[in-house]
Amino acid sequence: MEKTIIKKAKKGDKDAFEKLIIKYEKRVYNIAYQMFGNEHDANDMAQEVFIKIYKSLDKFNFKSSFSTWIHRITVNTCIDEYRKKKKNNKVESMDESMEQQDGVIHKQFVDKGLTPEEKVIKNENILFIRESINELKEEHKMIIILRDIKGYSYDDIADILGISIGTVKSRISRARLSLKKIIIEKKEQNKNAYV
């Protein structure tokens, strides 16, 4: 079914391409949101990704799954944009408020089953982890997002990033060590701040 839609889209059928967008737009948006942590950049990246997919559709050769191919384009586009923003020092924090037309929305991570005190602690922990992940190099950040947040298998990550499974495993290991080091350093700084 999907293969037929892809073939039609490759021949220029705009309705077929629209069906592909509808099917994959949430996945693309979610990856972009995980990378940038805000709606505006995630929407921009999703649009950019679908433009690239449209322009590159004739290059898709059915050797990998279409979803893997889309994920690879999404990840690469996000990494490229992240690098550009990092050069310009415009990377936004994942915990900043979002301005909407009708006011400011503060991002919150709330579990309705928790007490107010537990919610505060949980939100602080989530914020702390997100800030720590944001300090990673982009290749480490992406691998942590794909494996530990999104739950992709080693095989899927290898396909998405276009690297070997061995490289995936070593990058995950290095990324987790880097994250652990960042967390330990941040905890030490926080502890020393109150002494």
N, C-alpha and C. Protein backbone atom coordinates (compact mmCIF):
# COMPACT_ATOMS: atom_id res chain seq x y z
N MET A 1 0.84 -1.20 0.00
CA MET A 1 0.00 0.00 0.00
C MET A 1 0.88 1.26 0.00
N GLU A 2 1.79 1.36 1.01
CA GLU A 2 2.65 2.54 1.08
C GLU A 2 3.57 2.63 -0.13
N LYS A 3 4.05 1.48 -0.58
CA LYS A 3 4.95 1.45 -1.74
C LYS A 3 4.26 2.06 -2.96
N THR A 4 3.00 1.76 -3.14
CA THR A 4 2.23 2.31 -4.26
C THR A 4 2.12 3.83 -4.14
N ILE A 5 1.85 4.30 -2.92
CA ILE A 5 1.73 5.75 -2.68
C ILE A 5 3.07 6.43 -2.97
N ILE A 6 4.16 5.80 -2.52
CA ILE A 6 5.50 6.37 -2.75
C ILE A 6 5.79 6.45 -4.24
N LYS A 7 5.47 5.38 -4.97
CA LYS A 7 5.71 5.37 -6.42
C LYS A 7 4.92 6.49 -7.11
N LYS A 8 3.67 6.69 -6.67
CA LYS A 8 2.85 7.76 -7.25
C LYS A 8 3.46 9.12 -6.92
N ALA A 9 3.90 9.28 -5.68
CA ALA A 9 4.50 10.55 -5.27
C ALA A 9 5.78 10.82 -6.05
N LYS A 10 6.55 9.76 -6.32
CA LYS A 10 7.79 9.92 -7.10
C LYS A 10 7.49 10.39 -8.52
N LYS A 11 6.31 10.04 -9.02
CA LYS A 11 5.91 10.45 -10.37
C LYS A 11 5.27 11.84 -10.38
N GLY A 12 5.21 12.48 -9.22
CA GLY A 12 4.68 13.85 -9.15
C GLY A 12 3.26 13.97 -8.66
N ASP A 13 2.65 12.88 -8.21
CA ASP A 13 1.27 12.91 -7.71
C ASP A 13 1.26 13.64 -6.35
N LYS A 14 0.72 14.85 -6.34
CA LYS A 14 0.73 15.67 -5.12
C LYS A 14 -0.18 15.11 -4.04
N ASP A 15 -1.27 14.47 -4.42
CA ASP A 15 -2.16 13.85 -3.43
C ASP A 15 -1.44 12.71 -2.71
N ALA A 16 -0.67 11.95 -3.45
CA ALA A 16 0.09 10.85 -2.85
C ALA A 16 1.13 11.41 -1.88
N PHE A 17 1.81 12.48 -2.28
CA PHE A 17 2.80 13.09 -1.39
C PHE A 17 2.14 13.64 -0.13
N GLU A 18 0.96 14.22 -0.29
CA GLU A 18 0.20 14.73 0.86
C GLU A 18 -0.12 13.60 1.84
N LYS A 19 -0.45 12.42 1.33
CA LYS A 19 -0.72 11.26 2.19
C LYS A 19 0.53 10.88 2.98
N LEU A 20 1.69 10.96 2.34
CA LEU A 20 2.94 10.66 3.04
C LEU A 20 3.22 11.69 4.13
N ILE A 21 2.95 12.95 3.83
CA ILE A 21 3.14 14.00 4.84
C ILE A 21 2.25 13.73 6.04
N ILE A 22 0.99 13.43 5.78
CA ILE A 22 0.04 13.17 6.87
C ILE A 22 0.51 12.00 7.73
N LYS A 23 1.03 10.98 7.08
CA LYS A 23 1.47 9.79 7.82
C LYS A 23 2.70 10.07 8.69
N TYR A 24 3.63 10.89 8.20
CA TYR A 24 4.92 11.04 8.87
C TYR A 24 5.13 12.38 9.57
N GLU A 25 4.18 13.31 9.47
CA GLU A 25 4.43 14.65 10.01
C GLU A 25 4.65 14.65 11.53
N LYS A 26 3.92 13.82 12.27
CA LYS A 26 4.10 13.79 13.73
C LYS A 26 5.48 13.26 14.11
N ARG A 27 5.93 12.22 13.41
CA ARG A 27 7.26 11.65 13.71
C ARG A 27 8.35 12.68 13.44
N VAL A 28 8.26 13.34 12.31
CA VAL A 28 9.26 14.35 11.94
C VAL A 28 9.24 15.48 12.97
N TYR A 29 8.05 15.96 13.29
CA TYR A 29 7.91 17.05 14.27
C TYR A 29 8.50 16.64 15.62
N ASN A 30 8.19 15.42 16.07
CA ASN A 30 8.67 14.97 17.38
C ASN A 30 10.19 14.90 17.45
N ILE A 31 10.82 14.42 16.40
CA ILE A 31 12.29 14.39 16.39
C ILE A 31 12.83 15.81 16.45
N ALA A 32 12.27 16.70 15.66
CA ALA A 32 12.72 18.10 15.66
C ALA A 32 12.47 18.75 17.02
N TYR A 33 11.33 18.45 17.63
CA TYR A 33 11.03 19.03 18.94
C TYR A 33 12.02 18.54 19.99
N GLN A 34 12.35 17.25 19.93
CA GLN A 34 13.33 16.71 20.88
C GLN A 34 14.68 17.39 20.72
N MET A 35 15.03 17.72 19.50
CA MET A 35 16.33 18.34 19.24
C MET A 35 16.35 19.80 19.67
N PHE A 36 15.27 20.55 19.40
CA PHE A 36 15.27 21.98 19.64
C PHE A 36 14.47 22.42 20.85
N GLY A 37 13.50 21.60 21.27
CA GLY A 37 12.77 21.89 22.49
C GLY A 37 11.76 23.01 22.40
N ASN A 38 11.40 23.44 21.19
CA ASN A 38 10.36 24.46 21.09
C ASN A 38 9.56 24.26 19.81
N GLU A 39 8.32 24.72 19.88
CA GLU A 39 7.36 24.52 18.78
C GLU A 39 7.79 25.20 17.49
N HIS A 40 8.26 26.43 17.63
CA HIS A 40 8.60 27.22 16.45
C HIS A 40 9.68 26.53 15.61
N ASP A 41 10.79 26.16 16.24
CA ASP A 41 11.87 25.50 15.50
C ASP A 41 11.45 24.13 15.00
N ALA A 42 10.66 23.42 15.80
CA ALA A 42 10.21 22.09 15.37
C ALA A 42 9.33 22.20 14.12
N ASN A 43 8.44 23.18 14.09
CA ASN A 43 7.60 23.39 12.90
C ASN A 43 8.44 23.79 11.69
N ASP A 44 9.39 24.70 11.91
CA ASP A 44 10.28 25.10 10.81
C ASP A 44 11.05 23.91 10.26
N MET A 45 11.58 23.09 11.17
CA MET A 45 12.36 21.93 10.74
C MET A 45 11.49 20.93 10.00
N ALA A 46 10.27 20.71 10.49
CA ALA A 46 9.36 19.77 9.82
C ALA A 46 9.09 20.24 8.38
N GLN A 47 8.85 21.53 8.21
CA GLN A 47 8.63 22.05 6.86
C GLN A 47 9.87 21.87 5.99
N GLU A 48 11.03 22.18 6.56
CA GLU A 48 12.29 22.03 5.83
C GLU A 48 12.51 20.58 5.42
N VAL A 49 12.22 19.66 6.34
CA VAL A 49 12.40 18.23 6.06
C VAL A 49 11.50 17.80 4.91
N PHE A 50 10.23 18.20 4.92
CA PHE A 50 9.33 17.76 3.86
C PHE A 50 9.67 18.41 2.51
N ILE A 51 10.24 19.58 2.54
CA ILE A 51 10.74 20.17 1.28
C ILE A 51 11.88 19.33 0.75
N LYS A 52 12.80 18.95 1.64
CA LYS A 52 13.93 18.10 1.22
C LYS A 52 13.45 16.74 0.73
N ILE A 53 12.48 16.17 1.41
CA ILE A 53 11.94 14.87 1.00
C ILE A 53 11.32 15.00 -0.40
N TYR A 54 10.55 16.05 -0.61
CA TYR A 54 9.91 16.26 -1.91
C TYR A 54 10.96 16.38 -3.02
N LYS A 55 12.00 17.15 -2.75
CA LYS A 55 13.05 17.35 -3.75
C LYS A 55 13.90 16.10 -3.98
N SER A 56 13.98 15.23 -2.95
CA SER A 56 14.84 14.04 -3.03
C SER A 56 14.08 12.75 -3.29
N LEU A 57 12.78 12.84 -3.42
CA LEU A 57 11.94 11.65 -3.53
C LEU A 57 12.39 10.72 -4.65
N ASP A 58 12.85 11.29 -5.74
CA ASP A 58 13.29 10.44 -6.86
C ASP A 58 14.54 9.63 -6.51
N LYS A 59 15.26 10.01 -5.45
CA LYS A 59 16.46 9.28 -5.03
C LYS A 59 16.13 8.10 -4.11
N PHE A 60 14.91 8.07 -3.57
CA PHE A 60 14.54 6.95 -2.71
C PHE A 60 14.43 5.69 -3.56
N ASN A 61 15.18 4.64 -3.17
CA ASN A 61 15.28 3.45 -4.02
C ASN A 61 14.71 2.17 -3.38
N PHE A 62 13.99 2.28 -2.28
CA PHE A 62 13.34 1.16 -1.61
C PHE A 62 14.33 0.17 -1.00
N LYS A 63 15.63 0.53 -0.89
CA LYS A 63 16.59 -0.37 -0.25
C LYS A 63 16.40 -0.40 1.26
N SER A 64 16.00 0.73 1.83
CA SER A 64 15.65 0.78 3.25
C SER A 64 14.16 1.11 3.33
N SER A 65 13.63 1.06 4.54
CA SER A 65 12.21 1.41 4.66
C SER A 65 12.07 2.92 4.47
N PHE A 66 10.91 3.33 4.04
CA PHE A 66 10.66 4.75 3.80
C PHE A 66 10.76 5.53 5.11
N SER A 67 10.27 4.94 6.20
CA SER A 67 10.34 5.65 7.49
C SER A 67 11.79 5.86 7.92
N THR A 68 12.65 4.89 7.68
CA THR A 68 14.07 5.04 8.01
C THR A 68 14.69 6.15 7.17
N TRP A 69 14.35 6.18 5.90
CA TRP A 69 14.86 7.21 4.99
C TRP A 69 14.43 8.60 5.46
N ILE A 70 13.16 8.73 5.85
CA ILE A 70 12.65 10.01 6.35
C ILE A 70 13.36 10.39 7.65
N HIS A 71 13.54 9.42 8.54
CA HIS A 71 14.21 9.71 9.81
C HIS A 71 15.64 10.20 9.56
N ARG A 72 16.32 9.58 8.62
CA ARG A 72 17.69 9.99 8.30
C ARG A 72 17.71 11.44 7.82
N ILE A 73 16.80 11.79 6.93
CA ILE A 73 16.72 13.17 6.44
C ILE A 73 16.40 14.12 7.59
N THR A 74 15.47 13.72 8.45
CA THR A 74 15.07 14.56 9.58
C THR A 74 16.25 14.81 10.52
N VAL A 75 16.92 13.74 10.90
CA VAL A 75 18.06 13.85 11.82
C VAL A 75 19.15 14.73 11.21
N ASN A 76 19.50 14.47 9.96
CA ASN A 76 20.55 15.25 9.31
C ASN A 76 20.18 16.73 9.19
N THR A 77 18.93 17.00 8.85
CA THR A 77 18.47 18.39 8.73
C THR A 77 18.52 19.08 10.09
N CYS A 78 18.08 18.38 11.13
CA CYS A 78 18.11 18.95 12.49
C CYS A 78 19.55 19.20 12.94
N ILE A 79 20.43 18.25 12.69
CA ILE A 79 21.83 18.43 13.09
C ILE A 79 22.44 19.62 12.36
N ASP A 80 22.19 19.73 11.07
CA ASP A 80 22.72 20.87 10.30
C ASP A 80 22.21 22.20 10.88
N GLU A 81 20.93 22.27 11.15
CA GLU A 81 20.35 23.50 11.69
C GLU A 81 20.88 23.78 13.10
N TYR A 82 21.01 22.73 13.90
CA TYR A 82 21.53 22.88 15.26
C TYR A 82 22.94 23.47 15.21
N ARG A 83 23.76 22.98 14.28
CA ARG A 83 25.13 23.50 14.13
C ARG A 83 25.11 24.98 13.74
N LYS A 84 24.22 25.32 12.81
CA LYS A 84 24.12 26.73 12.39
C LYS A 84 23.72 27.61 13.57
N LYS A 85 22.72 27.16 14.32
CA LYS A 85 22.25 27.95 15.46
C LYS A 85 23.32 28.05 16.53
N LYS A 86 24.05 26.95 16.73
CA LYS A 86 25.10 26.94 17.74
C LYS A 86 26.18 27.95 17.39
N LYS A 87 26.52 28.03 16.09
CA LYS A 87 27.51 29.02 15.65
C LYS A 87 27.03 30.43 15.94
N ASN A 88 25.74 30.65 15.79
CA ASN A 88 25.16 31.98 16.01
C ASN A 88 24.69 32.17 17.45
N ASN A 89 24.94 31.17 18.31
CA ASN A 89 24.51 31.20 19.71
C ASN A 89 23.02 31.44 19.86
N LYS A 90 22.23 30.80 19.02
CA LYS A 90 20.78 30.99 19.07
C LYS A 90 20.06 29.72 19.47
N VAL A 91 20.75 28.76 20.07
CA VAL A 91 20.09 27.54 20.50
C VAL A 91 19.26 27.86 21.73
N GLU A 92 17.98 27.56 21.67
CA GLU A 92 17.08 27.86 22.76
C GLU A 92 17.03 26.71 23.74
N SER A 93 16.85 27.05 24.99
CA SER A 93 16.75 26.04 26.03
C SER A 93 15.43 25.30 25.91
N MET A 94 15.45 24.03 26.31
CA MET A 94 14.23 23.23 26.24
C MET A 94 13.24 23.61 27.33
N ASP A 95 13.67 24.46 28.28
CA ASP A 95 12.80 24.80 29.39
C ASP A 95 12.28 26.24 29.34
N GLU A 96 12.53 26.95 28.26
CA GLU A 96 12.07 28.32 28.17
C GLU A 96 10.57 28.39 27.93
N SER A 97 10.00 29.53 28.29
CA SER A 97 8.58 29.76 28.03
C SER A 97 8.36 29.94 26.54
N MET A 98 7.15 29.65 26.10
CA MET A 98 6.78 29.82 24.70
C MET A 98 5.79 30.97 24.62
N GLU A 99 6.05 31.90 23.72
CA GLU A 99 5.11 33.00 23.53
C GLU A 99 4.11 32.62 22.46
N GLN A 100 2.85 32.73 22.78
CA GLN A 100 1.77 32.48 21.84
C GLN A 100 1.04 33.80 21.63
N GLN A 101 0.14 33.84 20.68
CA GLN A 101 -0.59 35.08 20.38
C GLN A 101 -1.41 35.55 21.57
N ASP A 102 -1.91 34.62 22.36
CA ASP A 102 -2.77 34.99 23.47
C ASP A 102 -2.05 34.98 24.81
N GLY A 103 -0.73 35.05 24.82
CA GLY A 103 0.01 35.12 26.07
C GLY A 103 1.19 34.17 26.09
N VAL A 104 1.77 34.02 27.28
CA VAL A 104 2.94 33.18 27.46
C VAL A 104 2.52 31.85 28.05
N ILE A 105 3.07 30.79 27.49
CA ILE A 105 2.80 29.45 28.01
C ILE A 105 4.10 28.93 28.61
N HIS A 106 4.04 28.47 29.84
CA HIS A 106 5.21 27.88 30.46
C HIS A 106 5.13 26.37 30.31
N LYS A 107 6.22 25.80 29.80
CA LYS A 107 6.24 24.34 29.62
C LYS A 107 6.28 23.70 31.00
N GLN A 108 5.47 22.68 31.17
CA GLN A 108 5.43 21.99 32.45
C GLN A 108 5.42 20.50 32.19
N PHE A 109 6.00 19.78 33.12
CA PHE A 109 6.05 18.33 33.03
C PHE A 109 5.37 17.81 34.30
N VAL A 110 4.07 17.54 34.18
CA VAL A 110 3.28 17.24 35.36
C VAL A 110 2.66 15.85 35.27
N ASP A 111 2.73 15.12 36.36
CA ASP A 111 2.06 13.84 36.49
C ASP A 111 0.93 14.05 37.49
N LYS A 112 -0.32 13.88 37.06
CA LYS A 112 -1.48 14.18 37.90
C LYS A 112 -1.53 13.35 39.18
N GLY A 113 -0.83 12.21 39.20
CA GLY A 113 -0.87 11.35 40.38
C GLY A 113 0.09 11.74 41.48
N LEU A 114 0.87 12.78 41.28
CA LEU A 114 1.88 13.16 42.26
C LEU A 114 1.39 14.28 43.15
N THR A 115 1.97 14.35 44.35
CA THR A 115 1.68 15.47 45.24
C THR A 115 2.37 16.71 44.69
N PRO A 116 1.98 17.89 45.15
CA PRO A 116 2.66 19.11 44.67
C PRO A 116 4.17 19.08 44.89
N GLU A 117 4.60 18.57 46.05
CA GLU A 117 6.03 18.49 46.33
C GLU A 117 6.73 17.54 45.36
N GLU A 118 6.09 16.40 45.11
CA GLU A 118 6.66 15.42 44.18
C GLU A 118 6.71 15.99 42.75
N LYS A 119 5.69 16.76 42.39
CA LYS A 119 5.66 17.38 41.06
C LYS A 119 6.83 18.35 40.90
N VAL A 120 7.08 19.14 41.94
CA VAL A 120 8.19 20.10 41.88
C VAL A 120 9.51 19.36 41.71
N ILE A 121 9.70 18.32 42.49
CA ILE A 121 10.94 17.54 42.41
C ILE A 121 11.06 16.89 41.04
N LYS A 122 9.97 16.30 40.55
CA LYS A 122 10.00 15.66 39.24
C LYS A 122 10.31 16.68 38.14
N ASN A 123 9.65 17.83 38.19
CA ASN A 123 9.91 18.87 37.19
C ASN A 123 11.35 19.36 37.24
N GLU A 124 11.88 19.51 38.44
CA GLU A 124 13.28 19.92 38.59
C GLU A 124 14.21 18.87 38.01
N ASN A 125 13.91 17.60 38.26
CA ASN A 125 14.74 16.51 37.72
C ASN A 125 14.68 16.47 36.20
N ILE A 126 13.48 16.60 35.63
CA ILE A 126 13.33 16.60 34.17
C ILE A 126 14.08 17.79 33.58
N LEU A 127 13.92 18.94 34.17
CA LEU A 127 14.61 20.14 33.71
C LEU A 127 16.13 19.94 33.79
N PHE A 128 16.58 19.37 34.89
CA PHE A 128 18.01 19.13 35.09
C PHE A 128 18.56 18.19 34.01
N ILE A 129 17.83 17.11 33.73
CA ILE A 129 18.26 16.14 32.70
C ILE A 129 18.25 16.81 31.32
N ARG A 130 17.19 17.53 31.00
CA ARG A 130 17.11 18.20 29.69
C ARG A 130 18.24 19.22 29.52
N GLU A 131 18.52 19.99 30.56
CA GLU A 131 19.63 20.95 30.49
C GLU A 131 20.95 20.21 30.28
N SER A 132 21.10 19.09 30.95
CA SER A 132 22.33 18.30 30.81
C SER A 132 22.45 17.74 29.40
N ILE A 133 21.37 17.22 28.84
CA ILE A 133 21.38 16.70 27.46
C ILE A 133 21.71 17.83 26.49
N ASN A 134 21.19 19.02 26.74
CA ASN A 134 21.47 20.16 25.86
C ASN A 134 22.94 20.55 25.83
N GLU A 135 23.69 20.18 26.85
CA GLU A 135 25.12 20.50 26.90
C GLU A 135 25.97 19.51 26.11
N LEU A 136 25.39 18.39 25.68
CA LEU A 136 26.14 17.40 24.91
C LEU A 136 26.46 17.91 23.51
N LYS A 137 27.53 17.33 22.91
CA LYS A 137 27.80 17.59 21.49
C LYS A 137 26.60 17.09 20.71
N GLU A 138 26.36 17.65 19.51
CA GLU A 138 25.14 17.30 18.78
C GLU A 138 25.06 15.82 18.44
N GLU A 139 26.19 15.16 18.10
CA GLU A 139 26.10 13.74 17.77
C GLU A 139 25.73 12.91 19.00
N HIS A 140 26.21 13.34 20.17
CA HIS A 140 25.85 12.64 21.41
C HIS A 140 24.40 12.94 21.79
N LYS A 141 24.00 14.19 21.62
CA LYS A 141 22.63 14.57 21.94
C LYS A 141 21.65 13.76 21.09
N MET A 142 21.91 13.68 19.79
CA MET A 142 21.00 12.97 18.89
C MET A 142 20.93 11.49 19.25
N ILE A 143 22.06 10.87 19.56
CA ILE A 143 22.06 9.44 19.84
C ILE A 143 21.31 9.15 21.15
N ILE A 144 21.45 10.05 22.14
CA ILE A 144 20.72 9.90 23.41
C ILE A 144 19.22 10.05 23.15
N ILE A 145 18.85 11.02 22.34
CA ILE A 145 17.42 11.22 22.03
C ILE A 145 16.86 10.00 21.31
N LEU A 146 17.57 9.52 20.29
CA LEU A 146 17.07 8.38 19.52
C LEU A 146 16.97 7.11 20.36
N ARG A 147 17.99 6.84 21.18
CA ARG A 147 18.01 5.58 21.93
C ARG A 147 17.24 5.67 23.25
N ASP A 148 17.59 6.65 24.08
CA ASP A 148 17.07 6.67 25.45
C ASP A 148 15.75 7.41 25.61
N ILE A 149 15.45 8.34 24.72
CA ILE A 149 14.18 9.06 24.82
C ILE A 149 13.15 8.46 23.87
N LYS A 150 13.55 8.26 22.60
CA LYS A 150 12.63 7.71 21.61
C LYS A 150 12.55 6.19 21.64
N GLY A 151 13.59 5.52 22.16
CA GLY A 151 13.56 4.07 22.29
C GLY A 151 13.85 3.29 21.02
N TYR A 152 14.54 3.89 20.06
CA TYR A 152 14.87 3.18 18.83
C TYR A 152 15.90 2.07 19.10
N SER A 153 15.82 1.01 18.30
CA SER A 153 16.78 -0.09 18.40
C SER A 153 18.11 0.34 17.79
N TYR A 154 19.16 -0.43 18.09
CA TYR A 154 20.48 -0.15 17.50
C TYR A 154 20.40 -0.20 15.97
N ASP A 155 19.68 -1.19 15.45
CA ASP A 155 19.54 -1.32 13.99
C ASP A 155 18.88 -0.08 13.38
N ASP A 156 17.80 0.38 14.01
CA ASP A 156 17.10 1.56 13.50
C ASP A 156 18.00 2.79 13.54
N ILE A 157 18.72 2.95 14.64
CA ILE A 157 19.61 4.11 14.76
C ILE A 157 20.70 4.06 13.70
N ALA A 158 21.25 2.86 13.49
CA ALA A 158 22.28 2.70 12.46
C ALA A 158 21.74 3.11 11.09
N ASP A 159 20.52 2.69 10.78
CA ASP A 159 19.89 3.06 9.50
C ASP A 159 19.63 4.56 9.41
N ILE A 160 19.09 5.12 10.49
CA ILE A 160 18.75 6.54 10.50
C ILE A 160 19.99 7.42 10.33
N LEU A 161 21.06 7.07 11.05
CA LEU A 161 22.27 7.89 11.01
C LEU A 161 23.25 7.47 9.92
N GLY A 162 22.99 6.32 9.29
CA GLY A 162 23.87 5.85 8.23
C GLY A 162 25.24 5.41 8.74
N ILE A 163 25.25 4.77 9.91
CA ILE A 163 26.50 4.29 10.51
C ILE A 163 26.34 2.83 10.90
N SER A 164 27.44 2.18 11.25
CA SER A 164 27.38 0.76 11.62
C SER A 164 26.81 0.60 13.03
N ILE A 165 26.34 -0.61 13.34
CA ILE A 165 25.81 -0.90 14.67
C ILE A 165 26.91 -0.74 15.72
N GLY A 166 28.13 -1.15 15.38
CA GLY A 166 29.25 -0.98 16.30
C GLY A 166 29.48 0.49 16.64
N THR A 167 29.38 1.34 15.64
CA THR A 167 29.54 2.78 15.86
C THR A 167 28.40 3.31 16.72
N VAL A 168 27.19 2.82 16.47
CA VAL A 168 26.04 3.22 17.29
C VAL A 168 26.31 2.89 18.75
N LYS A 169 26.74 1.66 19.01
CA LYS A 169 26.98 1.23 20.39
C LYS A 169 28.07 2.06 21.05
N SER A 170 29.15 2.32 20.32
CA SER A 170 30.24 3.10 20.92
C SER A 170 29.81 4.55 21.16
N ARG A 171 29.03 5.12 20.22
CA ARG A 171 28.55 6.49 20.42
C ARG A 171 27.60 6.58 21.60
N ILE A 172 26.73 5.57 21.74
CA ILE A 172 25.80 5.57 22.88
C ILE A 172 26.60 5.50 24.18
N SER A 173 27.59 4.64 24.20
CA SER A 173 28.43 4.50 25.39
C SER A 173 29.13 5.82 25.71
N ARG A 174 29.75 6.44 24.71
CA ARG A 174 30.45 7.72 24.93
C ARG A 174 29.46 8.82 25.32
N ALA A 175 28.29 8.82 24.68
CA ALA A 175 27.29 9.85 24.99
C ALA A 175 26.80 9.71 26.43
N ARG A 176 26.56 8.48 26.86
CA ARG A 176 26.11 8.27 28.24
C ARG A 176 27.18 8.65 29.25
N LEU A 177 28.45 8.34 28.93
CA LEU A 177 29.55 8.74 29.81
C LEU A 177 29.65 10.27 29.88
N SER A 178 29.52 10.92 28.75
CA SER A 178 29.56 12.39 28.72
C SER A 178 28.40 12.97 29.52
N LEU A 179 27.22 12.39 29.35
CA LEU A 179 26.04 12.87 30.08
C LEU A 179 26.23 12.66 31.58
N LYS A 180 26.76 11.50 31.95
CA LYS A 180 27.02 11.21 33.36
C LYS A 180 28.00 12.23 33.95
N LYS A 181 29.05 12.53 33.20
CA LYS A 181 30.05 13.51 33.65
C LYS A 181 29.41 14.88 33.83
N ILE A 182 28.60 15.30 32.87
CA ILE A 182 27.91 16.59 32.96
C ILE A 182 27.01 16.64 34.19
N ILE A 183 26.26 15.56 34.40
CA ILE A 183 25.34 15.51 35.54
C ILE A 183 26.10 15.59 36.86
N ILE A 184 27.20 14.83 36.97
CA ILE A 184 28.00 14.84 38.20
C ILE A 184 28.57 16.24 38.44
N GLU A 185 29.10 16.87 37.39
CA GLU A 185 29.65 18.23 37.52
C GLU A 185 28.58 19.22 37.94
N LYS A 186 27.40 19.12 37.33
CA LYS A 186 26.31 20.05 37.68
C LYS A 186 25.86 19.84 39.12
N LYS A 187 25.80 18.58 39.56
CA LYS A 187 25.40 18.31 40.95
C LYS A 187 26.43 18.86 41.92
N GLU A 188 27.72 18.71 41.58
CA GLU A 188 28.78 19.26 42.42
C GLU A 188 28.68 20.78 42.50
N GLN A 189 28.43 21.42 41.36
CA GLN A 189 28.29 22.88 41.34
C GLN A 189 27.11 23.32 42.20
N ASN A 190 26.00 22.59 42.09
CA ASN A 190 24.81 22.92 42.88
C ASN A 190 25.08 22.72 44.37
N LYS A 191 25.78 21.64 44.70
CA LYS A 191 26.08 21.35 46.10
C LYS A 191 26.99 22.43 46.67
N ASN A 192 28.01 22.83 45.91
CA ASN A 192 28.95 23.85 46.36
C ASN A 192 28.31 25.23 46.44
N ALA A 193 27.28 25.45 45.66
CA ALA A 193 26.60 26.75 45.67
C ALA A 193 25.88 27.02 46.99
N TYR A 194 25.53 25.95 47.70
CA TYR A 194 24.78 26.11 48.95
C TYR A 194 25.65 25.91 50.18
N VAL A 195 26.96 25.77 50.00
CA VAL A 195 27.85 25.54 51.15
C VAL A 195 28.34 26.86 51.68
